[in-house]
Amino acid sequence: MSMTDDQQARIKQLIGNIQVEFGDSVGALLQEVNHIRLKDNGTLLAKAAVERDSIRWTLEWHEGPIQFDLNVVAAIEDDGRYAKIARVWVQRHATTPLDYDGHTPTTRMRRLTALSLAEIREAIEAEWG
């Protein structure tokens, strides 16, 4: 479904507000995970990826030939009058080379009830639980 220019402008504004309000905190949380859980072997992407209707922060790392990324994503929707946060999730994704001979870890996603640092932290901790 295509959006009007007004809808896209509201979504863009809300994404900007999310970056200002949560960007540094989510980045710091992922840096903390990198330091504590990954012994600084991960890489936090320099800035959040902004797409048409979402914003995503990503921490990447390797364990042998397996590449992991841990994403914190907020998806935005606009009902024609207001833009709002529609979904928030934390996703751990794993990829392997084509010639990898072994078990590929499962990609997991935890949907959150709100864009909340406490919920994001809890979902991330559950990945190592």
N, C-alpha and C. Protein backbone atom coordinates (compact mmCIF):
# COMPACT_ATOMS: atom_id res chain seq x y z
N MET A 1 0.84 -1.17 0.00
CA MET A 1 0.00 0.00 0.00
C MET A 1 0.89 1.24 0.00
N SER A 2 0.62 2.14 -0.89
CA SER A 2 1.44 3.34 -0.96
C SER A 2 0.97 4.37 0.06
N MET A 3 1.91 5.18 0.50
CA MET A 3 1.60 6.22 1.49
C MET A 3 1.57 7.57 0.82
N THR A 4 0.80 8.46 1.41
CA THR A 4 0.80 9.83 0.94
C THR A 4 2.07 10.52 1.41
N ASP A 5 2.35 11.65 0.83
CA ASP A 5 3.52 12.43 1.27
C ASP A 5 3.39 12.84 2.73
N ASP A 6 2.16 13.17 3.16
CA ASP A 6 1.93 13.54 4.56
C ASP A 6 2.22 12.37 5.50
N GLN A 7 1.78 11.18 5.12
CA GLN A 7 2.04 10.01 5.95
C GLN A 7 3.54 9.75 6.06
N GLN A 8 4.22 9.80 4.92
CA GLN A 8 5.66 9.54 4.93
C GLN A 8 6.39 10.61 5.75
N ALA A 9 5.92 11.85 5.69
CA ALA A 9 6.54 12.92 6.48
C ALA A 9 6.35 12.67 7.97
N ARG A 10 5.17 12.21 8.37
CA ARG A 10 4.93 11.92 9.79
C ARG A 10 5.79 10.75 10.26
N ILE A 11 5.92 9.73 9.41
CA ILE A 11 6.76 8.59 9.76
C ILE A 11 8.22 9.03 9.89
N LYS A 12 8.68 9.82 8.95
CA LYS A 12 10.06 10.32 8.99
C LYS A 12 10.31 11.14 10.25
N GLN A 13 9.34 11.96 10.62
CA GLN A 13 9.48 12.77 11.83
C GLN A 13 9.53 11.89 13.08
N LEU A 14 8.68 10.87 13.14
CA LEU A 14 8.68 9.97 14.29
C LEU A 14 10.00 9.20 14.37
N ILE A 15 10.51 8.75 13.25
CA ILE A 15 11.80 8.06 13.25
C ILE A 15 12.89 9.00 13.77
N GLY A 16 12.86 10.25 13.35
CA GLY A 16 13.81 11.23 13.86
C GLY A 16 13.69 11.41 15.37
N ASN A 17 12.46 11.46 15.87
CA ASN A 17 12.23 11.58 17.31
C ASN A 17 12.77 10.35 18.06
N ILE A 18 12.57 9.17 17.48
CA ILE A 18 13.08 7.94 18.09
C ILE A 18 14.60 7.97 18.14
N GLN A 19 15.23 8.43 17.06
CA GLN A 19 16.69 8.53 17.05
C GLN A 19 17.18 9.44 18.16
N VAL A 20 16.52 10.58 18.33
CA VAL A 20 16.94 11.53 19.36
C VAL A 20 16.70 10.96 20.75
N GLU A 21 15.52 10.38 20.97
CA GLU A 21 15.16 9.91 22.30
C GLU A 21 15.82 8.60 22.70
N PHE A 22 16.01 7.67 21.76
CA PHE A 22 16.49 6.34 22.10
C PHE A 22 17.83 5.96 21.46
N GLY A 23 18.24 6.67 20.42
CA GLY A 23 19.42 6.25 19.66
C GLY A 23 20.66 6.04 20.49
N ASP A 24 21.05 7.01 21.28
CA ASP A 24 22.26 6.89 22.09
C ASP A 24 22.12 5.77 23.12
N SER A 25 20.94 5.64 23.71
CA SER A 25 20.74 4.62 24.74
C SER A 25 20.77 3.21 24.17
N VAL A 26 20.13 3.00 23.02
CA VAL A 26 20.17 1.67 22.39
C VAL A 26 21.60 1.37 21.95
N GLY A 27 22.28 2.34 21.37
CA GLY A 27 23.68 2.15 20.99
C GLY A 27 24.55 1.79 22.18
N ALA A 28 24.36 2.49 23.29
CA ALA A 28 25.14 2.21 24.50
C ALA A 28 24.83 0.81 25.03
N LEU A 29 23.57 0.40 24.96
CA LEU A 29 23.19 -0.94 25.41
C LEU A 29 23.87 -2.00 24.54
N LEU A 30 23.88 -1.81 23.24
CA LEU A 30 24.55 -2.77 22.35
C LEU A 30 26.05 -2.75 22.56
N GLN A 31 26.63 -1.58 22.85
CA GLN A 31 28.07 -1.51 23.16
C GLN A 31 28.36 -2.29 24.45
N GLU A 32 27.47 -2.19 25.41
CA GLU A 32 27.63 -2.92 26.67
C GLU A 32 27.58 -4.43 26.41
N VAL A 33 26.64 -4.86 25.58
CA VAL A 33 26.55 -6.28 25.22
C VAL A 33 27.84 -6.71 24.53
N ASN A 34 28.34 -5.89 23.63
CA ASN A 34 29.59 -6.19 22.94
C ASN A 34 30.73 -6.36 23.94
N HIS A 35 30.81 -5.47 24.88
CA HIS A 35 31.90 -5.50 25.86
C HIS A 35 31.77 -6.70 26.80
N ILE A 36 30.59 -6.90 27.38
CA ILE A 36 30.40 -7.93 28.40
C ILE A 36 30.27 -9.32 27.80
N ARG A 37 29.41 -9.48 26.81
CA ARG A 37 29.11 -10.80 26.25
C ARG A 37 30.07 -11.23 25.15
N LEU A 38 30.53 -10.27 24.37
CA LEU A 38 31.35 -10.62 23.20
C LEU A 38 32.81 -10.25 23.38
N LYS A 39 33.19 -9.76 24.56
CA LYS A 39 34.58 -9.38 24.85
C LYS A 39 35.13 -8.43 23.78
N ASP A 40 34.29 -7.48 23.35
CA ASP A 40 34.63 -6.45 22.37
C ASP A 40 34.99 -7.02 20.99
N ASN A 41 34.49 -8.21 20.67
CA ASN A 41 34.74 -8.80 19.36
C ASN A 41 33.67 -8.46 18.34
N GLY A 42 32.65 -7.74 18.75
CA GLY A 42 31.59 -7.36 17.83
C GLY A 42 31.81 -5.96 17.28
N THR A 43 30.96 -5.61 16.33
CA THR A 43 31.00 -4.28 15.72
C THR A 43 29.60 -3.71 15.73
N LEU A 44 29.46 -2.57 16.36
CA LEU A 44 28.18 -1.85 16.32
C LEU A 44 28.21 -0.96 15.09
N LEU A 45 27.21 -1.12 14.23
CA LEU A 45 27.17 -0.27 13.05
C LEU A 45 27.15 1.19 13.47
N ALA A 46 27.83 2.03 12.72
CA ALA A 46 28.07 3.43 13.10
C ALA A 46 26.80 4.20 13.41
N LYS A 47 25.74 3.92 12.67
CA LYS A 47 24.48 4.59 12.96
C LYS A 47 23.33 3.65 12.63
N ALA A 48 22.19 3.96 13.16
CA ALA A 48 21.02 3.13 12.92
C ALA A 48 20.62 3.20 11.44
N ALA A 49 20.15 2.08 10.93
CA ALA A 49 19.67 2.04 9.55
C ALA A 49 18.22 2.52 9.53
N VAL A 50 17.96 3.54 8.74
CA VAL A 50 16.62 4.08 8.61
C VAL A 50 16.08 3.65 7.26
N GLU A 51 14.94 2.99 7.29
CA GLU A 51 14.29 2.56 6.07
C GLU A 51 12.98 3.32 5.93
N ARG A 52 12.20 2.97 4.97
CA ARG A 52 10.96 3.69 4.66
C ARG A 52 10.05 3.83 5.88
N ASP A 53 9.94 2.76 6.67
CA ASP A 53 9.02 2.80 7.80
C ASP A 53 9.59 2.09 9.04
N SER A 54 10.92 2.12 9.18
CA SER A 54 11.52 1.49 10.36
C SER A 54 12.91 2.06 10.63
N ILE A 55 13.38 1.76 11.84
CA ILE A 55 14.74 2.11 12.24
C ILE A 55 15.32 0.87 12.91
N ARG A 56 16.60 0.60 12.62
CA ARG A 56 17.22 -0.63 13.11
C ARG A 56 18.65 -0.35 13.57
N TRP A 57 18.96 -0.79 14.78
CA TRP A 57 20.32 -0.75 15.32
C TRP A 57 20.88 -2.17 15.23
N THR A 58 22.15 -2.32 14.84
CA THR A 58 22.71 -3.65 14.61
C THR A 58 24.09 -3.79 15.24
N LEU A 59 24.27 -4.91 15.92
CA LEU A 59 25.56 -5.34 16.45
C LEU A 59 25.92 -6.62 15.71
N GLU A 60 27.11 -6.67 15.09
CA GLU A 60 27.54 -7.83 14.32
C GLU A 60 28.76 -8.47 14.96
N TRP A 61 28.87 -9.80 14.83
CA TRP A 61 30.06 -10.50 15.29
C TRP A 61 30.16 -11.86 14.60
N HIS A 62 31.35 -12.46 14.71
CA HIS A 62 31.59 -13.79 14.14
C HIS A 62 31.95 -14.76 15.24
N GLU A 63 31.51 -15.97 15.08
CA GLU A 63 31.95 -17.10 15.90
C GLU A 63 32.38 -18.16 14.92
N GLY A 64 33.68 -18.23 14.69
CA GLY A 64 34.19 -19.10 13.63
C GLY A 64 33.63 -18.63 12.30
N PRO A 65 33.11 -19.55 11.50
CA PRO A 65 32.57 -19.15 10.19
C PRO A 65 31.15 -18.59 10.26
N ILE A 66 30.54 -18.60 11.43
CA ILE A 66 29.16 -18.13 11.57
C ILE A 66 29.16 -16.64 11.84
N GLN A 67 28.37 -15.90 11.06
CA GLN A 67 28.20 -14.46 11.29
C GLN A 67 26.86 -14.24 11.97
N PHE A 68 26.89 -13.48 13.06
CA PHE A 68 25.67 -13.15 13.79
C PHE A 68 25.40 -11.67 13.68
N ASP A 69 24.14 -11.30 13.73
CA ASP A 69 23.78 -9.91 13.99
C ASP A 69 22.63 -9.89 14.96
N LEU A 70 22.71 -8.94 15.86
CA LEU A 70 21.67 -8.70 16.85
C LEU A 70 21.05 -7.36 16.48
N ASN A 71 19.78 -7.38 16.16
CA ASN A 71 19.08 -6.18 15.70
C ASN A 71 18.01 -5.76 16.69
N VAL A 72 17.91 -4.47 16.90
CA VAL A 72 16.80 -3.87 17.63
C VAL A 72 16.06 -3.03 16.59
N VAL A 73 14.78 -3.36 16.38
CA VAL A 73 14.02 -2.75 15.30
C VAL A 73 12.72 -2.15 15.83
N ALA A 74 12.42 -0.95 15.36
CA ALA A 74 11.12 -0.32 15.62
C ALA A 74 10.48 -0.03 14.26
N ALA A 75 9.30 -0.59 14.03
CA ALA A 75 8.57 -0.36 12.78
C ALA A 75 7.46 0.66 13.05
N ILE A 76 7.29 1.56 12.11
CA ILE A 76 6.34 2.67 12.25
C ILE A 76 5.20 2.48 11.25
N GLU A 77 4.01 2.87 11.66
CA GLU A 77 2.89 2.89 10.72
C GLU A 77 2.12 4.19 10.89
N ASP A 78 1.40 4.54 9.87
CA ASP A 78 0.61 5.77 9.88
C ASP A 78 -0.80 5.43 9.43
N ASP A 79 -1.78 5.84 10.21
CA ASP A 79 -3.18 5.50 9.90
C ASP A 79 -3.88 6.57 9.07
N GLY A 80 -3.14 7.53 8.59
CA GLY A 80 -3.73 8.62 7.82
C GLY A 80 -3.87 9.90 8.63
N ARG A 81 -3.77 9.76 9.95
CA ARG A 81 -3.83 10.93 10.83
C ARG A 81 -2.60 11.03 11.73
N TYR A 82 -2.11 9.85 12.20
CA TYR A 82 -1.01 9.84 13.15
C TYR A 82 -0.01 8.73 12.79
N ALA A 83 1.25 9.01 13.01
CA ALA A 83 2.28 7.98 12.92
C ALA A 83 2.49 7.44 14.33
N LYS A 84 2.69 6.13 14.42
CA LYS A 84 2.93 5.51 15.73
C LYS A 84 3.86 4.33 15.57
N ILE A 85 4.45 3.93 16.68
CA ILE A 85 5.30 2.74 16.70
C ILE A 85 4.36 1.54 16.66
N ALA A 86 4.48 0.75 15.61
CA ALA A 86 3.58 -0.38 15.42
C ALA A 86 4.14 -1.66 16.05
N ARG A 87 5.43 -1.90 15.87
CA ARG A 87 6.05 -3.12 16.36
C ARG A 87 7.49 -2.82 16.77
N VAL A 88 7.94 -3.53 17.79
CA VAL A 88 9.33 -3.44 18.23
C VAL A 88 9.80 -4.87 18.47
N TRP A 89 10.98 -5.19 17.99
CA TRP A 89 11.49 -6.53 18.24
C TRP A 89 13.01 -6.52 18.32
N VAL A 90 13.52 -7.58 18.97
CA VAL A 90 14.94 -7.86 19.04
C VAL A 90 15.13 -9.17 18.30
N GLN A 91 16.06 -9.18 17.36
CA GLN A 91 16.28 -10.36 16.52
C GLN A 91 17.75 -10.73 16.51
N ARG A 92 18.02 -12.00 16.74
CA ARG A 92 19.37 -12.52 16.56
C ARG A 92 19.34 -13.37 15.30
N HIS A 93 20.18 -13.01 14.35
CA HIS A 93 20.20 -13.67 13.06
C HIS A 93 21.57 -14.28 12.83
N ALA A 94 21.61 -15.47 12.27
CA ALA A 94 22.88 -16.14 12.00
C ALA A 94 22.94 -16.55 10.54
N THR A 95 24.12 -16.39 9.93
CA THR A 95 24.34 -16.85 8.57
C THR A 95 25.66 -17.61 8.52
N THR A 96 25.73 -18.56 7.58
CA THR A 96 26.93 -19.35 7.40
C THR A 96 27.30 -19.38 5.93
N PRO A 97 28.57 -19.67 5.63
CA PRO A 97 28.95 -19.82 4.22
C PRO A 97 28.26 -21.05 3.63
N LEU A 98 28.15 -21.09 2.31
CA LEU A 98 27.48 -22.20 1.64
C LEU A 98 28.15 -23.54 1.94
N ASP A 99 29.46 -23.55 2.10
CA ASP A 99 30.16 -24.81 2.33
C ASP A 99 30.27 -25.17 3.82
N TYR A 100 29.54 -24.48 4.67
CA TYR A 100 29.59 -24.76 6.11
C TYR A 100 28.99 -26.13 6.39
N ASP A 101 29.71 -26.95 7.14
CA ASP A 101 29.25 -28.29 7.46
C ASP A 101 29.07 -28.37 8.97
N GLY A 102 27.88 -28.07 9.41
CA GLY A 102 27.60 -28.09 10.84
C GLY A 102 26.24 -27.51 11.10
N HIS A 103 25.93 -27.35 12.36
CA HIS A 103 24.62 -26.82 12.76
C HIS A 103 24.63 -25.30 12.69
N THR A 104 23.70 -24.74 11.94
CA THR A 104 23.55 -23.28 11.89
C THR A 104 22.61 -22.87 13.00
N PRO A 105 23.04 -21.96 13.87
CA PRO A 105 22.15 -21.52 14.95
C PRO A 105 20.85 -20.93 14.39
N THR A 106 19.80 -21.10 15.14
CA THR A 106 18.48 -20.63 14.74
C THR A 106 18.39 -19.12 14.86
N THR A 107 17.76 -18.51 13.87
CA THR A 107 17.42 -17.09 13.97
C THR A 107 16.24 -16.98 14.93
N ARG A 108 16.36 -16.06 15.86
CA ARG A 108 15.28 -15.88 16.85
C ARG A 108 14.83 -14.43 16.88
N MET A 109 13.55 -14.25 17.16
CA MET A 109 13.00 -12.91 17.25
C MET A 109 12.11 -12.84 18.49
N ARG A 110 12.27 -11.78 19.23
CA ARG A 110 11.43 -11.55 20.41
C ARG A 110 10.69 -10.24 20.21
N ARG A 111 9.38 -10.33 20.14
CA ARG A 111 8.57 -9.14 19.96
C ARG A 111 8.34 -8.49 21.32
N LEU A 112 8.48 -7.17 21.36
CA LEU A 112 8.33 -6.43 22.61
C LEU A 112 6.99 -5.71 22.61
N THR A 113 6.54 -5.31 23.78
CA THR A 113 5.26 -4.61 23.88
C THR A 113 5.39 -3.12 23.61
N ALA A 114 6.62 -2.59 23.74
CA ALA A 114 6.82 -1.15 23.55
C ALA A 114 8.30 -0.88 23.29
N LEU A 115 8.60 0.31 22.83
CA LEU A 115 9.98 0.73 22.69
C LEU A 115 10.45 1.16 24.07
N SER A 116 11.04 0.21 24.78
CA SER A 116 11.45 0.41 26.16
C SER A 116 12.83 -0.19 26.35
N LEU A 117 13.75 0.59 26.91
CA LEU A 117 15.10 0.09 27.12
C LEU A 117 15.10 -1.13 28.05
N ALA A 118 14.23 -1.14 29.04
CA ALA A 118 14.15 -2.28 29.95
C ALA A 118 13.74 -3.54 29.20
N GLU A 119 12.75 -3.43 28.32
CA GLU A 119 12.31 -4.60 27.54
C GLU A 119 13.37 -5.03 26.54
N ILE A 120 14.05 -4.07 25.93
CA ILE A 120 15.12 -4.40 24.99
C ILE A 120 16.23 -5.15 25.72
N ARG A 121 16.63 -4.64 26.88
CA ARG A 121 17.68 -5.29 27.68
C ARG A 121 17.26 -6.72 28.06
N GLU A 122 16.02 -6.87 28.49
CA GLU A 122 15.52 -8.20 28.89
C GLU A 122 15.54 -9.17 27.70
N ALA A 123 15.14 -8.71 26.53
CA ALA A 123 15.13 -9.57 25.34
C ALA A 123 16.55 -9.95 24.94
N ILE A 124 17.47 -9.01 25.03
CA ILE A 124 18.87 -9.30 24.70
C ILE A 124 19.45 -10.29 25.69
N GLU A 125 19.20 -10.09 26.97
CA GLU A 125 19.71 -11.01 27.99
C GLU A 125 19.16 -12.42 27.78
N ALA A 126 17.92 -12.52 27.31
CA ALA A 126 17.33 -13.84 27.07
C ALA A 126 18.08 -14.60 25.98
N GLU A 127 18.74 -13.90 25.08
CA GLU A 127 19.53 -14.56 24.04
C GLU A 127 20.72 -15.32 24.63
N TRP A 128 21.20 -14.89 25.78
CA TRP A 128 22.33 -15.55 26.41
C TRP A 128 21.89 -16.36 27.63
N GLY A 129 20.60 -16.39 27.87
CA GLY A 129 20.04 -17.05 29.06
C GLY A 129 20.09 -18.51 29.03
